[in-house]
Amino acid sequence: MEHEITVKILRTAQTIKIPEYATPGSAGLDLCSMRYCIIKPNEMALIPTGIKLAIPEGYEAQIRPRSGLALNHRIIIPNSPGTIDSDYRGEIKVLLLNMGEEPFTLSFGDRIAQMVFAPVAHAKFEDVKKLDETSRGSGGFGSTGIN
């Protein structure tokens, strides 16, 4: 693979699966719940995954929702995408929010999120008196059209 990185993983128990890509073309690795939990409507729960990572410097792990959970159960990640920094060594946990009208039950091993690794660019700021002009200018929030 052309853009492969090595990430060290520590499992909190040997029964925990190492995250996997569902298909060869998958961008995200599946993260699984490490506990049983019922999330009531309009409530959030912080779900442990049972893994800790040593992400290489210059990269981050982005935690993203699973489309099937959102479509079928209205389970979302409110801070999506969540960022796991390269210097974080704690357990990866996923914040889930139930936007549905029914309680949602999680079991041990259920897939709850996707994790995507991405390079990180650090910005160096240059303090200026004026920015260059563009045709868009300061237009935002729908200023470029409906579609």
C-alpha atoms as a PDB file:
ATOM      1  CA  MET A   1       0.000   0.000   0.000  1.00  0.00           C
ATOM      2  CA  GLU A   2       1.376   3.394  -1.016  1.00  0.00           C
ATOM      3  CA  HIS A   3       0.291   5.477   2.021  1.00  0.00           C
ATOM      4  CA  GLU A   4       0.688   2.950   4.814  1.00  0.00           C
ATOM      5  CA  ILE A   5       1.734   3.943   8.336  1.00  0.00           C
ATOM      6  CA  THR A   6       2.546   1.759  11.338  1.00  0.00           C
ATOM      7  CA  VAL A   7       0.483   2.434  14.453  1.00  0.00           C
ATOM      8  CA  LYS A   8       1.333   0.733  17.734  1.00  0.00           C
ATOM      9  CA  ILE A   9      -1.745  -0.611  19.561  1.00  0.00           C
ATOM     10  CA  LEU A  10      -2.266  -1.685  23.160  1.00  0.00           C
ATOM     11  CA  ARG A  11      -5.427  -3.675  23.888  1.00  0.00           C
ATOM     12  CA  THR A  12      -6.854  -3.431  27.404  1.00  0.00           C
ATOM     13  CA  ALA A  13      -7.767  -7.148  27.157  1.00  0.00           C
ATOM     14  CA  GLN A  14      -6.673  -9.892  24.757  1.00  0.00           C
ATOM     15  CA  THR A  15     -10.317 -10.595  23.846  1.00  0.00           C
ATOM     16  CA  ILE A  16     -10.511  -7.198  22.104  1.00  0.00           C
ATOM     17  CA  LYS A  17     -10.153  -7.334  18.327  1.00  0.00           C
ATOM     18  CA  ILE A  18      -7.577  -5.151  16.620  1.00  0.00           C
ATOM     19  CA  PRO A  19      -9.530  -2.716  14.370  1.00  0.00           C
ATOM     20  CA  GLU A  20      -9.903  -3.882  10.773  1.00  0.00           C
ATOM     21  CA  TYR A  21     -10.890  -2.464   7.398  1.00  0.00           C
ATOM     22  CA  ALA A  22     -14.197  -4.061   6.307  1.00  0.00           C
ATOM     23  CA  THR A  23     -13.152  -4.146   2.637  1.00  0.00           C
ATOM     24  CA  PRO A  24      -9.904  -3.483   0.715  1.00  0.00           C
ATOM     25  CA  GLY A  25     -11.331  -0.111  -0.400  1.00  0.00           C
ATOM     26  CA  SER A  26     -12.454   1.036   3.065  1.00  0.00           C
ATOM     27  CA  ALA A  27     -11.027   4.352   4.249  1.00  0.00           C
ATOM     28  CA  GLY A  28     -11.978   3.760   7.877  1.00  0.00           C
ATOM     29  CA  LEU A  29     -11.258   1.022  10.380  1.00  0.00           C
ATOM     30  CA  ASP A  30     -14.173  -0.256  12.435  1.00  0.00           C
ATOM     31  CA  LEU A  31     -14.155   0.591  16.151  1.00  0.00           C
ATOM     32  CA  CYS A  32     -16.181  -1.605  18.480  1.00  0.00           C
ATOM     33  CA  SER A  33     -17.958  -1.093  21.782  1.00  0.00           C
ATOM     34  CA  MET A  34     -16.329  -2.692  24.787  1.00  0.00           C
ATOM     35  CA  ARG A  35     -19.398  -2.612  26.998  1.00  0.00           C
ATOM     36  CA  TYR A  36     -23.115  -3.180  27.111  1.00  0.00           C
ATOM     37  CA  CYS A  37     -25.038   0.105  27.160  1.00  0.00           C
ATOM     38  CA  ILE A  38     -28.530   1.468  26.581  1.00  0.00           C
ATOM     39  CA  ILE A  39     -28.597   5.021  25.215  1.00  0.00           C
ATOM     40  CA  LYS A  40     -31.960   6.677  25.800  1.00  0.00           C
ATOM     41  CA  PRO A  41     -33.417   9.186  23.299  1.00  0.00           C
ATOM     42  CA  ASN A  42     -31.605  12.553  23.405  1.00  0.00           C
ATOM     43  CA  GLU A  43     -28.898  11.129  25.674  1.00  0.00           C
ATOM     44  CA  MET A  44     -25.172  10.711  25.109  1.00  0.00           C
ATOM     45  CA  ALA A  45     -22.849   7.951  26.201  1.00  0.00           C
ATOM     46  CA  LEU A  46     -19.055   7.755  26.186  1.00  0.00           C
ATOM     47  CA  ILE A  47     -18.234   4.283  24.876  1.00  0.00           C
ATOM     48  CA  PRO A  48     -14.820   2.693  25.488  1.00  0.00           C
ATOM     49  CA  THR A  49     -13.168   0.769  22.642  1.00  0.00           C
ATOM     50  CA  GLY A  50     -10.552  -1.057  24.694  1.00  0.00           C
ATOM     51  CA  ILE A  51      -7.627   0.191  22.633  1.00  0.00           C
ATOM     52  CA  LYS A  52      -4.818   2.702  23.120  1.00  0.00           C
ATOM     53  CA  LEU A  53      -2.673   3.904  20.221  1.00  0.00           C
ATOM     54  CA  ALA A  54       0.727   5.430  19.549  1.00  0.00           C
ATOM     55  CA  ILE A  55      -0.019   7.407  16.383  1.00  0.00           C
ATOM     56  CA  PRO A  56       3.093   8.517  14.483  1.00  0.00           C
ATOM     57  CA  GLU A  57       3.983  12.203  14.759  1.00  0.00           C
ATOM     58  CA  GLY A  58       2.563  14.130  11.810  1.00  0.00           C
ATOM     59  CA  TYR A  59      -0.687  12.114  11.781  1.00  0.00           C
ATOM     60  CA  GLU A  60      -4.042  12.117  13.556  1.00  0.00           C
ATOM     61  CA  ALA A  61      -6.838   9.581  13.848  1.00  0.00           C
ATOM     62  CA  GLN A  62     -10.272  10.941  12.966  1.00  0.00           C
ATOM     63  CA  ILE A  63     -13.278   9.302  14.622  1.00  0.00           C
ATOM     64  CA  ARG A  64     -16.295   9.342  12.317  1.00  0.00           C
ATOM     65  CA  PRO A  65     -19.871   8.048  12.548  1.00  0.00           C
ATOM     66  CA  ARG A  66     -21.103   4.868  10.913  1.00  0.00           C
ATOM     67  CA  SER A  67     -23.675   5.712   8.259  1.00  0.00           C
ATOM     68  CA  GLY A  68     -25.831   2.667   9.052  1.00  0.00           C
ATOM     69  CA  LEU A  69     -26.183   3.668  12.712  1.00  0.00           C
ATOM     70  CA  ALA A  70     -27.164   7.182  11.676  1.00  0.00           C
ATOM     71  CA  LEU A  71     -29.672   6.071   9.041  1.00  0.00           C
ATOM     72  CA  ASN A  72     -31.237   3.124  10.843  1.00  0.00           C
ATOM     73  CA  HIS A  73     -31.071   4.234  14.490  1.00  0.00           C
ATOM     74  CA  ARG A  74     -30.277   7.984  14.430  1.00  0.00           C
ATOM     75  CA  ILE A  75     -27.073   7.380  16.411  1.00  0.00           C
ATOM     76  CA  ILE A  76     -24.522  10.111  15.688  1.00  0.00           C
ATOM     77  CA  ILE A  77     -21.168  11.336  16.950  1.00  0.00           C
ATOM     78  CA  PRO A  78     -21.839  14.934  18.044  1.00  0.00           C
ATOM     79  CA  ASN A  79     -18.207  16.096  17.814  1.00  0.00           C
ATOM     80  CA  SER A  80     -17.591  14.440  14.460  1.00  0.00           C
ATOM     81  CA  PRO A  81     -14.984  14.095  13.303  1.00  0.00           C
ATOM     82  CA  GLY A  82     -13.286  13.653  16.645  1.00  0.00           C
ATOM     83  CA  THR A  83      -9.514  13.987  16.601  1.00  0.00           C
ATOM     84  CA  ILE A  84      -7.057  11.680  18.341  1.00  0.00           C
ATOM     85  CA  ASP A  85      -3.715  13.497  18.511  1.00  0.00           C
ATOM     86  CA  SER A  86      -0.387  11.738  18.015  1.00  0.00           C
ATOM     87  CA  ASP A  87       0.678  12.476  21.603  1.00  0.00           C
ATOM     88  CA  TYR A  88      -2.492  11.046  23.246  1.00  0.00           C
ATOM     89  CA  ARG A  89      -1.948   7.677  24.942  1.00  0.00           C
ATOM     90  CA  GLY A  90      -5.262   7.097  26.719  1.00  0.00           C
ATOM     91  CA  GLU A  91      -8.021   4.705  25.726  1.00  0.00           C
ATOM     92  CA  ILE A  92      -9.941   5.631  22.587  1.00  0.00           C
ATOM     93  CA  LYS A  93     -13.545   6.397  23.533  1.00  0.00           C
ATOM     94  CA  VAL A  94     -16.421   7.371  21.269  1.00  0.00           C
ATOM     95  CA  LEU A  95     -19.152   9.844  22.217  1.00  0.00           C
ATOM     96  CA  LEU A  96     -22.494   8.640  20.836  1.00  0.00           C
ATOM     97  CA  LEU A  97     -25.751  10.617  20.808  1.00  0.00           C
ATOM     98  CA  ASN A  98     -29.166   9.032  20.318  1.00  0.00           C
ATOM     99  CA  MET A  99     -31.238  11.401  18.169  1.00  0.00           C
ATOM    100  CA  GLY A 100     -33.959   8.772  17.726  1.00  0.00           C
ATOM    101  CA  GLU A 101     -37.227   8.248  19.584  1.00  0.00           C
ATOM    102  CA  GLU A 102     -36.362   4.789  20.935  1.00  0.00           C
ATOM    103  CA  PRO A 103     -33.651   3.580  23.340  1.00  0.00           C
ATOM    104  CA  PHE A 104     -30.636   2.118  21.515  1.00  0.00           C
ATOM    105  CA  THR A 105     -28.894  -0.965  22.893  1.00  0.00           C
ATOM    106  CA  LEU A 106     -25.185  -1.570  22.385  1.00  0.00           C
ATOM    107  CA  SER A 107     -23.542  -4.903  23.073  1.00  0.00           C
ATOM    108  CA  PHE A 108     -19.900  -5.836  23.534  1.00  0.00           C
ATOM    109  CA  GLY A 109     -18.238  -5.963  20.107  1.00  0.00           C
ATOM    110  CA  ASP A 110     -20.823  -3.860  18.208  1.00  0.00           C
ATOM    111  CA  ARG A 111     -19.293  -1.604  15.564  1.00  0.00           C
ATOM    112  CA  ILE A 112     -19.842   1.995  16.714  1.00  0.00           C
ATOM    113  CA  ALA A 113     -17.556   4.249  14.663  1.00  0.00           C
ATOM    114  CA  GLN A 114     -14.890   4.461  11.990  1.00  0.00           C
ATOM    115  CA  MET A 115     -11.310   5.596  12.481  1.00  0.00           C
ATOM    116  CA  VAL A 116      -9.461   7.254   9.603  1.00  0.00           C
ATOM    117  CA  PHE A 117      -5.778   8.228   9.744  1.00  0.00           C
ATOM    118  CA  ALA A 118      -4.777  11.507   8.117  1.00  0.00           C
ATOM    119  CA  PRO A 119      -1.635  13.620   7.851  1.00  0.00           C
ATOM    120  CA  VAL A 120      -1.547  16.833   9.871  1.00  0.00           C
ATOM    121  CA  ALA A 121      -0.059  20.115   8.644  1.00  0.00           C
ATOM    122  CA  HIS A 122       1.014  22.615  11.293  1.00  0.00           C
ATOM    123  CA  ALA A 123       0.339  26.245  10.427  1.00  0.00           C
ATOM    124  CA  LYS A 124       2.776  29.097  10.773  1.00  0.00           C
ATOM    125  CA  PHE A 125       0.941  32.420  10.949  1.00  0.00           C
ATOM    126  CA  GLU A 126       2.051  35.614   9.250  1.00  0.00           C
ATOM    127  CA  ASP A 127       0.485  38.738  10.792  1.00  0.00           C
ATOM    128  CA  VAL A 128      -0.515  41.104   7.943  1.00  0.00           C
ATOM    129  CA  LYS A 129      -2.416  44.393   7.565  1.00  0.00           C
ATOM    130  CA  LYS A 130      -4.544  43.205   4.616  1.00  0.00           C
ATOM    131  CA  LEU A 131      -5.524  39.947   2.895  1.00  0.00           C
ATOM    132  CA  ASP A 132      -5.519  39.456  -0.872  1.00  0.00           C
ATOM    133  CA  GLU A 133      -8.866  39.945  -2.625  1.00  0.00           C
ATOM    134  CA  THR A 134     -10.872  37.077  -4.144  1.00  0.00           C
ATOM    135  CA  SER A 135     -14.063  36.988  -6.195  1.00  0.00           C
ATOM    136  CA  ARG A 136     -15.858  35.394  -3.233  1.00  0.00           C
ATOM    137  CA  GLY A 137     -14.673  37.908  -0.701  1.00  0.00           C
ATOM    138  CA  SER A 138     -16.216  37.469   2.760  1.00  0.00           C
ATOM    139  CA  GLY A 139     -19.332  35.637   1.533  1.00  0.00           C
ATOM    140  CA  GLY A 140     -20.117  32.498   3.505  1.00  0.00           C
ATOM    141  CA  PHE A 141     -22.960  30.351   4.799  1.00  0.00           C
ATOM    142  CA  GLY A 142     -24.679  29.671   1.485  1.00  0.00           C
ATOM    143  CA  SER A 143     -23.343  32.675  -0.412  1.00  0.00           C
ATOM    144  CA  THR A 144     -22.136  30.498  -3.310  1.00  0.00           C
ATOM    145  CA  GLY A 145     -25.627  29.133  -4.060  1.00  0.00           C
ATOM    146  CA  ILE A 146     -28.162  26.594  -2.880  1.00  0.00           C
ATOM    147  CA  ASN A 147     -26.623  23.508  -4.525  1.00  0.00           C
END
